[in-house]
Amino acid sequence: MELKEKQRKILNVAVELFKEKGYMGSSVRDLATKLNIKAASLYAHIRSKEEILEWICFGIAQTFFDELQEVKNTDIAPKDKLNLFLDKHLSVVLKNRDVTHIYSNEWKHLEERLPEFVELRKNYQQEVEELISEIYKAENWDLKSPSFTTRFILHTLNNSYFWFKRSSDSTDEITDEIRDKILFGLLGNQKS
């Protein structure tokens, strides 16, 4: 999805607005006011407010998929592949905190493309579950519920932006902390 310069500006302001007021609490008029233009002028650049939500949700979903494919295509040890997945997913989340918040909480307001988005999320979770299952099998780790483990990891990663202040914690520190909790807390393994 390639956005024009004006659409990119609309998207950036909409992200701020949706984060502040929520998708349902935001109107096209609110967005136009923040952009200092008339609401009717927005429709030269967007079909609807929902289109902006689509840009947000499908855009970051594509970024998650791209990073996952890169991980899957690397030829490294399984445990390193899990570390790489955690790093890449967390990096997307922490570099796009507001977008991730909207993606995680407002996607249910998609109407026209909701079934497509739900399928996209299911496909991503399935691909992550396959990756995690392969890693557990290769490392001879006991995996009682691949589905639960995958949902737990994704939920932890996707909501990590809640726990840290933007100014005080570096992405590397956050990533290291979460990686340690997932790898050593869940697996009960000792750091090596």
N, C-alpha and C. Protein backbone atom coordinates (compact mmCIF):
# COMPACT_ATOMS: atom_id res chain seq x y z
N MET A 1 0.85 -1.17 0.00
CA MET A 1 0.00 0.00 0.00
C MET A 1 0.90 1.24 0.00
N GLU A 2 0.88 1.93 -1.10
CA GLU A 2 1.71 3.13 -1.26
C GLU A 2 0.82 4.35 -1.09
N LEU A 3 1.12 5.15 -0.06
CA LEU A 3 0.32 6.35 0.20
C LEU A 3 0.99 7.57 -0.40
N LYS A 4 0.16 8.50 -0.86
CA LYS A 4 0.67 9.77 -1.34
C LYS A 4 1.07 10.62 -0.13
N GLU A 5 1.83 11.67 -0.38
CA GLU A 5 2.34 12.51 0.71
C GLU A 5 1.21 13.05 1.59
N LYS A 6 0.14 13.52 0.99
CA LYS A 6 -0.98 14.08 1.76
C LYS A 6 -1.67 12.97 2.58
N GLN A 7 -1.79 11.79 1.98
CA GLN A 7 -2.39 10.67 2.71
C GLN A 7 -1.52 10.27 3.89
N ARG A 8 -0.21 10.31 3.71
CA ARG A 8 0.72 9.99 4.80
C ARG A 8 0.53 10.98 5.95
N LYS A 9 0.37 12.26 5.62
CA LYS A 9 0.15 13.27 6.66
C LYS A 9 -1.19 13.02 7.37
N ILE A 10 -2.22 12.71 6.60
CA ILE A 10 -3.53 12.39 7.19
C ILE A 10 -3.40 11.19 8.12
N LEU A 11 -2.69 10.17 7.65
CA LEU A 11 -2.49 8.96 8.45
C LEU A 11 -1.78 9.29 9.77
N ASN A 12 -0.72 10.06 9.72
CA ASN A 12 0.03 10.39 10.94
C ASN A 12 -0.82 11.14 11.94
N VAL A 13 -1.61 12.09 11.47
CA VAL A 13 -2.48 12.85 12.38
C VAL A 13 -3.61 11.95 12.90
N ALA A 14 -4.13 11.08 12.05
CA ALA A 14 -5.18 10.16 12.47
C ALA A 14 -4.67 9.21 13.55
N VAL A 15 -3.44 8.75 13.43
CA VAL A 15 -2.87 7.87 14.45
C VAL A 15 -2.88 8.59 15.81
N GLU A 16 -2.44 9.84 15.83
CA GLU A 16 -2.47 10.62 17.08
C GLU A 16 -3.89 10.74 17.62
N LEU A 17 -4.82 11.06 16.73
CA LEU A 17 -6.21 11.24 17.13
C LEU A 17 -6.84 9.95 17.63
N PHE A 18 -6.64 8.84 16.90
CA PHE A 18 -7.22 7.56 17.31
C PHE A 18 -6.61 7.09 18.63
N LYS A 19 -5.34 7.36 18.84
CA LYS A 19 -4.69 6.99 20.11
C LYS A 19 -5.29 7.79 21.26
N GLU A 20 -5.53 9.07 20.99
CA GLU A 20 -6.06 9.97 22.03
C GLU A 20 -7.53 9.71 22.34
N LYS A 21 -8.36 9.59 21.30
CA LYS A 21 -9.81 9.50 21.49
C LYS A 21 -10.40 8.14 21.18
N GLY A 22 -9.58 7.24 20.63
CA GLY A 22 -10.12 5.98 20.15
C GLY A 22 -10.71 6.17 18.76
N TYR A 23 -10.81 5.09 18.03
CA TYR A 23 -11.34 5.18 16.67
C TYR A 23 -12.79 5.65 16.69
N MET A 24 -13.61 5.03 17.53
CA MET A 24 -15.03 5.38 17.58
C MET A 24 -15.26 6.79 18.14
N GLY A 25 -14.38 7.27 18.98
CA GLY A 25 -14.52 8.61 19.55
C GLY A 25 -13.99 9.71 18.66
N SER A 26 -13.41 9.34 17.54
CA SER A 26 -12.84 10.31 16.60
C SER A 26 -13.76 10.47 15.40
N SER A 27 -13.86 11.69 14.92
CA SER A 27 -14.68 11.94 13.74
C SER A 27 -13.81 12.51 12.62
N VAL A 28 -14.35 12.48 11.43
CA VAL A 28 -13.66 13.10 10.29
C VAL A 28 -13.50 14.59 10.56
N ARG A 29 -14.48 15.19 11.19
CA ARG A 29 -14.39 16.62 11.55
C ARG A 29 -13.22 16.86 12.51
N ASP A 30 -13.05 15.98 13.52
CA ASP A 30 -11.91 16.11 14.45
C ASP A 30 -10.59 16.04 13.68
N LEU A 31 -10.52 15.09 12.76
CA LEU A 31 -9.30 14.91 11.96
C LEU A 31 -9.04 16.15 11.11
N ALA A 32 -10.09 16.66 10.46
CA ALA A 32 -9.94 17.86 9.63
C ALA A 32 -9.47 19.04 10.47
N THR A 33 -10.03 19.19 11.67
CA THR A 33 -9.63 20.29 12.56
C THR A 33 -8.15 20.18 12.89
N LYS A 34 -7.69 18.98 13.24
CA LYS A 34 -6.27 18.79 13.55
C LYS A 34 -5.38 19.08 12.34
N LEU A 35 -5.90 18.82 11.15
CA LEU A 35 -5.14 19.07 9.92
C LEU A 35 -5.30 20.51 9.43
N ASN A 36 -6.22 21.27 10.09
CA ASN A 36 -6.48 22.65 9.74
C ASN A 36 -7.04 22.78 8.31
N ILE A 37 -7.95 21.85 7.97
CA ILE A 37 -8.64 21.89 6.69
C ILE A 37 -10.13 21.62 6.92
N LYS A 38 -10.94 21.82 5.90
CA LYS A 38 -12.37 21.51 6.00
C LYS A 38 -12.58 20.00 5.87
N ALA A 39 -13.58 19.49 6.59
CA ALA A 39 -13.85 18.05 6.57
C ALA A 39 -14.11 17.56 5.15
N ALA A 40 -14.84 18.32 4.37
CA ALA A 40 -15.14 17.90 3.00
C ALA A 40 -13.87 17.75 2.16
N SER A 41 -12.85 18.55 2.47
CA SER A 41 -11.59 18.48 1.72
C SER A 41 -10.86 17.16 1.95
N LEU A 42 -11.09 16.54 3.10
CA LEU A 42 -10.44 15.26 3.38
C LEU A 42 -10.83 14.19 2.37
N TYR A 43 -12.08 14.26 1.90
CA TYR A 43 -12.58 13.22 1.01
C TYR A 43 -11.95 13.25 -0.38
N ALA A 44 -11.14 14.25 -0.66
CA ALA A 44 -10.34 14.24 -1.89
C ALA A 44 -9.17 13.27 -1.75
N HIS A 45 -8.85 12.89 -0.49
CA HIS A 45 -7.68 12.05 -0.21
C HIS A 45 -8.02 10.70 0.41
N ILE A 46 -9.21 10.59 1.01
CA ILE A 46 -9.63 9.34 1.65
C ILE A 46 -11.07 9.02 1.26
N ARG A 47 -11.40 7.73 1.27
CA ARG A 47 -12.79 7.32 1.04
C ARG A 47 -13.62 7.54 2.29
N SER A 48 -12.99 7.22 3.46
CA SER A 48 -13.72 7.25 4.72
C SER A 48 -12.73 7.17 5.87
N LYS A 49 -13.24 7.38 7.06
CA LYS A 49 -12.41 7.20 8.26
C LYS A 49 -11.96 5.74 8.35
N GLU A 50 -12.83 4.83 7.95
CA GLU A 50 -12.48 3.41 8.01
C GLU A 50 -11.30 3.08 7.10
N GLU A 51 -11.16 3.78 5.99
CA GLU A 51 -10.02 3.54 5.12
C GLU A 51 -8.71 3.82 5.86
N ILE A 52 -8.70 4.85 6.70
CA ILE A 52 -7.51 5.17 7.48
C ILE A 52 -7.21 4.04 8.45
N LEU A 53 -8.25 3.51 9.09
CA LEU A 53 -8.06 2.37 9.99
C LEU A 53 -7.51 1.17 9.22
N GLU A 54 -7.97 0.98 7.99
CA GLU A 54 -7.43 -0.09 7.15
C GLU A 54 -5.94 0.15 6.88
N TRP A 55 -5.57 1.37 6.55
CA TRP A 55 -4.15 1.68 6.31
C TRP A 55 -3.31 1.28 7.52
N ILE A 56 -3.83 1.63 8.71
CA ILE A 56 -3.10 1.35 9.95
C ILE A 56 -2.99 -0.16 10.17
N CYS A 57 -4.12 -0.84 10.18
CA CYS A 57 -4.14 -2.26 10.54
C CYS A 57 -3.45 -3.14 9.51
N PHE A 58 -3.76 -2.94 8.25
CA PHE A 58 -3.14 -3.77 7.22
C PHE A 58 -1.67 -3.39 7.01
N GLY A 59 -1.36 -2.12 7.21
CA GLY A 59 0.03 -1.68 7.05
C GLY A 59 0.97 -2.33 8.05
N ILE A 60 0.61 -2.28 9.33
CA ILE A 60 1.51 -2.86 10.33
C ILE A 60 1.47 -4.38 10.27
N ALA A 61 0.31 -4.94 9.90
CA ALA A 61 0.24 -6.40 9.73
C ALA A 61 1.22 -6.85 8.66
N GLN A 62 1.32 -6.10 7.58
CA GLN A 62 2.27 -6.44 6.52
C GLN A 62 3.70 -6.35 7.03
N THR A 63 3.97 -5.35 7.86
CA THR A 63 5.31 -5.22 8.44
C THR A 63 5.64 -6.43 9.31
N PHE A 64 4.68 -6.87 10.13
CA PHE A 64 4.90 -8.08 10.95
C PHE A 64 5.17 -9.29 10.05
N PHE A 65 4.39 -9.45 9.00
CA PHE A 65 4.60 -10.57 8.08
C PHE A 65 5.97 -10.51 7.42
N ASP A 66 6.36 -9.33 6.97
CA ASP A 66 7.67 -9.18 6.31
C ASP A 66 8.80 -9.60 7.25
N GLU A 67 8.73 -9.16 8.50
CA GLU A 67 9.76 -9.50 9.48
C GLU A 67 9.75 -11.00 9.78
N LEU A 68 8.57 -11.58 9.88
CA LEU A 68 8.46 -13.02 10.14
C LEU A 68 9.07 -13.82 8.99
N GLN A 69 8.80 -13.41 7.76
CA GLN A 69 9.37 -14.12 6.61
C GLN A 69 10.89 -14.04 6.62
N GLU A 70 11.41 -12.89 7.01
CA GLU A 70 12.86 -12.75 7.09
C GLU A 70 13.44 -13.73 8.12
N VAL A 71 12.77 -13.86 9.25
CA VAL A 71 13.20 -14.80 10.29
C VAL A 71 13.15 -16.23 9.76
N LYS A 72 12.04 -16.58 9.14
CA LYS A 72 11.86 -17.94 8.64
C LYS A 72 12.89 -18.29 7.57
N ASN A 73 13.35 -17.30 6.83
CA ASN A 73 14.29 -17.54 5.74
C ASN A 73 15.76 -17.52 6.18
N THR A 74 16.01 -17.28 7.46
CA THR A 74 17.40 -17.29 7.92
C THR A 74 17.83 -18.71 8.23
N ASP A 75 19.09 -18.96 8.02
CA ASP A 75 19.64 -20.28 8.28
C ASP A 75 20.52 -20.19 9.53
N ILE A 76 19.86 -20.18 10.70
CA ILE A 76 20.56 -20.09 11.98
C ILE A 76 19.98 -21.13 12.92
N ALA A 77 20.65 -21.33 14.03
CA ALA A 77 20.19 -22.30 15.03
C ALA A 77 18.77 -21.95 15.50
N PRO A 78 17.97 -22.96 15.83
CA PRO A 78 16.58 -22.72 16.22
C PRO A 78 16.41 -21.71 17.36
N LYS A 79 17.23 -21.83 18.40
CA LYS A 79 17.10 -20.89 19.53
C LYS A 79 17.43 -19.47 19.06
N ASP A 80 18.41 -19.32 18.18
CA ASP A 80 18.74 -18.01 17.63
C ASP A 80 17.61 -17.48 16.77
N LYS A 81 16.92 -18.38 16.10
CA LYS A 81 15.78 -17.98 15.27
C LYS A 81 14.66 -17.44 16.16
N LEU A 82 14.44 -18.08 17.30
CA LEU A 82 13.43 -17.58 18.24
C LEU A 82 13.83 -16.21 18.75
N ASN A 83 15.10 -16.05 19.11
CA ASN A 83 15.59 -14.74 19.54
C ASN A 83 15.39 -13.69 18.46
N LEU A 84 15.69 -14.05 17.23
CA LEU A 84 15.54 -13.11 16.12
C LEU A 84 14.08 -12.74 15.92
N PHE A 85 13.18 -13.73 16.01
CA PHE A 85 11.75 -13.43 15.90
C PHE A 85 11.31 -12.45 16.99
N LEU A 86 11.70 -12.73 18.24
CA LEU A 86 11.33 -11.84 19.34
C LEU A 86 11.87 -10.44 19.10
N ASP A 87 13.13 -10.34 18.69
CA ASP A 87 13.74 -9.04 18.41
C ASP A 87 12.99 -8.28 17.33
N LYS A 88 12.70 -8.96 16.23
CA LYS A 88 12.07 -8.29 15.10
C LYS A 88 10.64 -7.88 15.41
N HIS A 89 9.88 -8.77 16.04
CA HIS A 89 8.49 -8.43 16.36
C HIS A 89 8.45 -7.26 17.36
N LEU A 90 9.28 -7.36 18.39
CA LEU A 90 9.32 -6.29 19.39
C LEU A 90 9.79 -4.97 18.78
N SER A 91 10.72 -5.04 17.88
CA SER A 91 11.21 -3.83 17.23
C SER A 91 10.08 -3.13 16.49
N VAL A 92 9.26 -3.88 15.78
CA VAL A 92 8.11 -3.29 15.08
C VAL A 92 7.16 -2.65 16.09
N VAL A 93 6.86 -3.37 17.16
CA VAL A 93 5.93 -2.86 18.18
C VAL A 93 6.47 -1.57 18.80
N LEU A 94 7.72 -1.59 19.23
CA LEU A 94 8.26 -0.46 19.98
C LEU A 94 8.59 0.74 19.12
N LYS A 95 8.82 0.52 17.84
CA LYS A 95 9.04 1.66 16.94
C LYS A 95 7.73 2.25 16.45
N ASN A 96 6.64 1.53 16.66
CA ASN A 96 5.31 1.95 16.19
C ASN A 96 4.29 1.80 17.32
N ARG A 97 4.59 2.36 18.47
CA ARG A 97 3.76 2.14 19.65
C ARG A 97 2.30 2.54 19.45
N ASP A 98 2.08 3.74 18.93
CA ASP A 98 0.70 4.20 18.76
C ASP A 98 -0.03 3.37 17.70
N VAL A 99 0.65 3.07 16.61
CA VAL A 99 0.06 2.25 15.56
C VAL A 99 -0.25 0.85 16.11
N THR A 100 0.65 0.29 16.89
CA THR A 100 0.42 -1.03 17.49
C THR A 100 -0.78 -0.99 18.42
N HIS A 101 -0.90 0.08 19.18
CA HIS A 101 -2.05 0.23 20.08
C HIS A 101 -3.35 0.19 19.27
N ILE A 102 -3.38 0.94 18.19
CA ILE A 102 -4.59 0.98 17.35
C ILE A 102 -4.82 -0.38 16.71
N TYR A 103 -3.78 -0.97 16.17
CA TYR A 103 -3.86 -2.30 15.55
C TYR A 103 -4.41 -3.32 16.56
N SER A 104 -3.94 -3.27 17.78
CA SER A 104 -4.33 -4.25 18.79
C SER A 104 -5.73 -4.03 19.34
N ASN A 105 -6.19 -2.78 19.35
CA ASN A 105 -7.43 -2.46 20.04
C ASN A 105 -8.58 -1.99 19.16
N GLU A 106 -8.29 -1.48 17.99
CA GLU A 106 -9.35 -0.88 17.18
C GLU A 106 -9.71 -1.68 15.94
N TRP A 107 -8.98 -2.76 15.65
CA TRP A 107 -9.22 -3.55 14.44
C TRP A 107 -10.65 -4.04 14.33
N LYS A 108 -11.30 -4.27 15.46
CA LYS A 108 -12.66 -4.81 15.45
C LYS A 108 -13.67 -3.84 14.84
N HIS A 109 -13.25 -2.57 14.65
CA HIS A 109 -14.13 -1.57 14.04
C HIS A 109 -14.03 -1.55 12.51
N LEU A 110 -13.14 -2.36 11.97
CA LEU A 110 -13.14 -2.52 10.52
C LEU A 110 -14.47 -3.16 10.15
N GLU A 111 -15.10 -2.68 9.15
CA GLU A 111 -16.38 -3.28 8.75
C GLU A 111 -16.23 -4.00 7.43
N GLU A 112 -15.95 -3.24 6.40
CA GLU A 112 -15.88 -3.80 5.05
C GLU A 112 -14.82 -4.89 4.92
N ARG A 113 -13.66 -4.69 5.52
CA ARG A 113 -12.55 -5.63 5.36
C ARG A 113 -12.28 -6.44 6.64
N LEU A 114 -13.22 -6.45 7.57
CA LEU A 114 -13.02 -7.18 8.82
C LEU A 114 -12.75 -8.67 8.59
N PRO A 115 -13.54 -9.37 7.78
CA PRO A 115 -13.24 -10.80 7.58
C PRO A 115 -11.84 -11.03 7.01
N GLU A 116 -11.42 -10.19 6.10
CA GLU A 116 -10.08 -10.30 5.52
C GLU A 116 -9.01 -10.08 6.59
N PHE A 117 -9.24 -9.11 7.46
CA PHE A 117 -8.26 -8.81 8.51
C PHE A 117 -8.20 -9.93 9.54
N VAL A 118 -9.35 -10.46 9.92
CA VAL A 118 -9.39 -11.58 10.88
C VAL A 118 -8.63 -12.78 10.30
N GLU A 119 -8.81 -13.04 9.02
CA GLU A 119 -8.09 -14.14 8.37
C GLU A 119 -6.59 -13.87 8.35
N LEU A 120 -6.21 -12.62 8.09
CA LEU A 120 -4.80 -12.23 8.09
C LEU A 120 -4.17 -12.46 9.46
N ARG A 121 -4.87 -12.07 10.52
CA ARG A 121 -4.36 -12.28 11.88
C ARG A 121 -4.23 -13.77 12.20
N LYS A 122 -5.22 -14.55 11.78
CA LYS A 122 -5.17 -16.00 12.01
C LYS A 122 -3.99 -16.61 11.26
N ASN A 123 -3.76 -16.17 10.04
CA ASN A 123 -2.64 -16.69 9.26
C ASN A 123 -1.31 -16.34 9.92
N TYR A 124 -1.19 -15.14 10.42
CA TYR A 124 0.05 -14.74 11.09
C TYR A 124 0.26 -15.60 12.33
N GLN A 125 -0.77 -15.73 13.14
CA GLN A 125 -0.65 -16.55 14.35
C GLN A 125 -0.28 -17.98 13.99
N GLN A 126 -0.86 -18.51 12.93
CA GLN A 126 -0.55 -19.88 12.51
C GLN A 126 0.91 -20.00 12.08
N GLU A 127 1.40 -19.02 11.33
CA GLU A 127 2.80 -19.07 10.89
C GLU A 127 3.75 -18.94 12.07
N VAL A 128 3.41 -18.10 13.04
CA VAL A 128 4.24 -17.97 14.24
C VAL A 128 4.19 -19.27 15.04
N GLU A 129 3.02 -19.86 15.14
CA GLU A 129 2.88 -21.14 15.86
C GLU A 129 3.72 -22.22 15.21
N GLU A 130 3.73 -22.28 13.89
CA GLU A 130 4.56 -23.26 13.19
C GLU A 130 6.04 -23.03 13.47
N LEU A 131 6.45 -21.76 13.45
CA LEU A 131 7.84 -21.42 13.75
C LEU A 131 8.21 -21.85 15.17
N ILE A 132 7.37 -21.51 16.12
CA ILE A 132 7.64 -21.85 17.52
C ILE A 132 7.66 -23.37 17.71
N SER A 133 6.74 -24.08 17.08
CA SER A 133 6.70 -25.54 17.19
C SER A 133 7.97 -26.17 16.62
N GLU A 134 8.42 -25.65 15.48
CA GLU A 134 9.67 -26.16 14.88
C GLU A 134 10.86 -25.92 15.81
N ILE A 135 10.90 -24.76 16.41
CA ILE A 135 12.00 -24.42 17.31
C ILE A 135 11.98 -25.32 18.55
N TYR A 136 10.81 -25.48 19.14
CA TYR A 136 10.70 -26.33 20.33
C TYR A 136 11.12 -27.76 20.00
N LYS A 137 10.67 -28.24 18.84
CA LYS A 137 11.01 -29.60 18.44
C LYS A 137 12.52 -29.74 18.24
N ALA A 138 13.12 -28.79 17.55
CA ALA A 138 14.56 -28.85 17.28
C ALA A 138 15.39 -28.76 18.55
N GLU A 139 14.90 -28.04 19.54
CA GLU A 139 15.63 -27.88 20.81
C GLU A 139 15.26 -28.96 21.83
N ASN A 140 14.34 -29.85 21.46
CA ASN A 140 13.84 -30.88 22.38
C ASN A 140 13.20 -30.29 23.63
N TRP A 141 12.49 -29.18 23.46
CA TRP A 141 11.76 -28.56 24.55
C TRP A 141 10.34 -29.12 24.56
N ASP A 142 9.77 -29.23 25.72
CA ASP A 142 8.41 -29.73 25.86
C ASP A 142 7.43 -28.60 25.54
N LEU A 143 6.55 -28.82 24.58
CA LEU A 143 5.55 -27.82 24.20
C LEU A 143 4.17 -28.45 24.35
N LYS A 144 3.52 -28.14 25.46
CA LYS A 144 2.24 -28.76 25.76
C LYS A 144 1.11 -28.19 24.88
N SER A 145 1.13 -26.89 24.65
CA SER A 145 0.08 -26.26 23.85
C SER A 145 0.70 -25.20 22.94
N PRO A 146 1.00 -25.59 21.70
CA PRO A 146 1.58 -24.62 20.77
C PRO A 146 0.71 -23.39 20.58
N SER A 147 -0.60 -23.60 20.53
CA SER A 147 -1.52 -22.48 20.31
C SER A 147 -1.48 -21.50 21.49
N PHE A 148 -1.55 -22.04 22.72
CA PHE A 148 -1.51 -21.17 23.89
C PHE A 148 -0.17 -20.44 23.98
N THR A 149 0.91 -21.16 23.77
CA THR A 149 2.24 -20.56 23.84
C THR A 149 2.38 -19.43 22.83
N THR A 150 1.91 -19.66 21.62
CA THR A 150 1.97 -18.64 20.57
C THR A 150 1.15 -17.42 20.95
N ARG A 151 -0.08 -17.64 21.39
CA ARG A 151 -0.93 -16.49 21.80
C ARG A 151 -0.32 -15.74 22.96
N PHE A 152 0.26 -16.47 23.91
CA PHE A 152 0.89 -15.83 25.06
C PHE A 152 2.06 -14.95 24.61
N ILE A 153 2.90 -15.49 23.76
CA ILE A 153 4.06 -14.73 23.29
C ILE A 153 3.61 -13.51 22.49
N LEU A 154 2.68 -13.70 21.55
CA LEU A 154 2.22 -12.57 20.74
C LEU A 154 1.53 -11.50 21.58
N HIS A 155 0.72 -11.93 22.53
CA HIS A 155 0.05 -10.96 23.41
C HIS A 155 1.09 -10.16 24.22
N THR A 156 2.06 -10.87 24.74
CA THR A 156 3.13 -10.19 25.50
C THR A 156 3.87 -9.19 24.62
N LEU A 157 4.26 -9.61 23.44
CA LEU A 157 5.00 -8.73 22.54
C LEU A 157 4.14 -7.55 22.08
N ASN A 158 2.91 -7.82 21.68
CA ASN A 158 2.06 -6.76 21.14
C ASN A 158 1.65 -5.73 22.18
N ASN A 159 1.65 -6.10 23.45
CA ASN A 159 1.23 -5.16 24.48
C ASN A 159 2.40 -4.60 25.29
N SER A 160 3.61 -4.88 24.87
CA SER A 160 4.79 -4.43 25.61
C SER A 160 4.92 -2.91 25.65
N TYR A 161 4.36 -2.23 24.67
CA TYR A 161 4.46 -0.77 24.65
C TYR A 161 3.77 -0.13 25.84
N PHE A 162 2.84 -0.82 26.49
CA PHE A 162 2.15 -0.28 27.67
C PHE A 162 3.09 -0.10 28.87
N TRP A 163 4.11 -0.94 28.96
CA TRP A 163 4.88 -1.05 30.18
C TRP A 163 6.05 -0.09 30.29
N PHE A 164 6.38 0.57 29.21
CA PHE A 164 7.60 1.35 29.20
C PHE A 164 7.35 2.77 28.73
N LYS A 165 8.03 3.71 29.37
CA LYS A 165 7.97 5.10 28.95
C LYS A 165 8.88 5.26 27.75
N ARG A 166 8.44 6.05 26.81
CA ARG A 166 9.20 6.26 25.59
C ARG A 166 10.58 6.85 25.85
N SER A 167 10.67 7.74 26.80
CA SER A 167 11.92 8.48 26.98
C SER A 167 12.93 7.76 27.87
N SER A 168 12.48 6.87 28.74
CA SER A 168 13.41 6.35 29.73
C SER A 168 13.97 4.96 29.43
N ASP A 169 13.31 4.21 28.60
CA ASP A 169 13.77 2.85 28.34
C ASP A 169 14.13 2.70 26.87
N SER A 170 15.30 2.17 26.63
CA SER A 170 15.70 1.95 25.24
C SER A 170 15.03 0.70 24.71
N THR A 171 14.86 0.64 23.40
CA THR A 171 14.28 -0.52 22.75
C THR A 171 15.11 -1.76 23.06
N ASP A 172 16.43 -1.63 23.07
CA ASP A 172 17.30 -2.79 23.35
C ASP A 172 17.06 -3.32 24.75
N GLU A 173 16.94 -2.43 25.74
CA GLU A 173 16.72 -2.87 27.12
C GLU A 173 15.37 -3.59 27.25
N ILE A 174 14.35 -3.03 26.61
CA ILE A 174 13.02 -3.64 26.66
C ILE A 174 13.05 -5.01 25.99
N THR A 175 13.66 -5.06 24.82
CA THR A 175 13.74 -6.32 24.08
C THR A 175 14.48 -7.38 24.89
N ASP A 176 15.61 -7.01 25.49
CA ASP A 176 16.37 -7.96 26.31
C ASP A 176 15.54 -8.47 27.48
N GLU A 177 14.84 -7.57 28.15
CA GLU A 177 14.03 -7.95 29.31
C GLU A 177 12.91 -8.91 28.92
N ILE A 178 12.20 -8.57 27.87
CA ILE A 178 11.09 -9.43 27.43
C ILE A 178 11.61 -10.76 26.91
N ARG A 179 12.69 -10.74 26.14
CA ARG A 179 13.26 -11.98 25.62
C ARG A 179 13.64 -12.90 26.77
N ASP A 180 14.30 -12.35 27.80
CA ASP A 180 14.69 -13.16 28.95
C ASP A 180 13.48 -13.75 29.66
N LYS A 181 12.43 -12.96 29.80
CA LYS A 181 11.23 -13.47 30.49
C LYS A 181 10.58 -14.58 29.67
N ILE A 182 10.53 -14.41 28.37
CA ILE A 182 9.90 -15.43 27.53
C ILE A 182 10.76 -16.69 27.46
N LEU A 183 12.03 -16.52 27.17
CA LEU A 183 12.89 -17.69 27.01
C LEU A 183 13.16 -18.41 28.32
N PHE A 184 13.49 -17.67 29.34
CA PHE A 184 13.92 -18.32 30.57
C PHE A 184 12.79 -18.45 31.57
N GLY A 185 11.82 -17.55 31.52
CA GLY A 185 10.67 -17.65 32.42
C GLY A 185 9.74 -18.77 31.99
N LEU A 186 9.46 -18.83 30.71
CA LEU A 186 8.54 -19.86 30.21
C LEU A 186 9.19 -21.23 30.14
N LEU A 187 10.43 -21.26 29.75
CA LEU A 187 11.08 -22.54 29.53
C LEU A 187 11.74 -23.10 30.77
N GLY A 188 11.97 -22.24 31.74
CA GLY A 188 12.64 -22.69 32.95
C GLY A 188 14.09 -23.01 32.73
N ASN A 189 14.64 -22.58 31.60
CA ASN A 189 16.05 -22.83 31.31
C ASN A 189 16.93 -21.80 31.99
N GLN A 190 18.15 -22.14 32.17
CA GLN A 190 19.13 -21.20 32.72
C GLN A 190 19.77 -20.46 31.57
N LYS A 191 20.09 -19.19 31.78
CA LYS A 191 20.84 -18.44 30.77
C LYS A 191 22.16 -19.12 30.52
N SER A 192 22.56 -19.13 29.25
CA SER A 192 23.86 -19.74 28.96
C SER A 192 24.78 -18.69 28.37
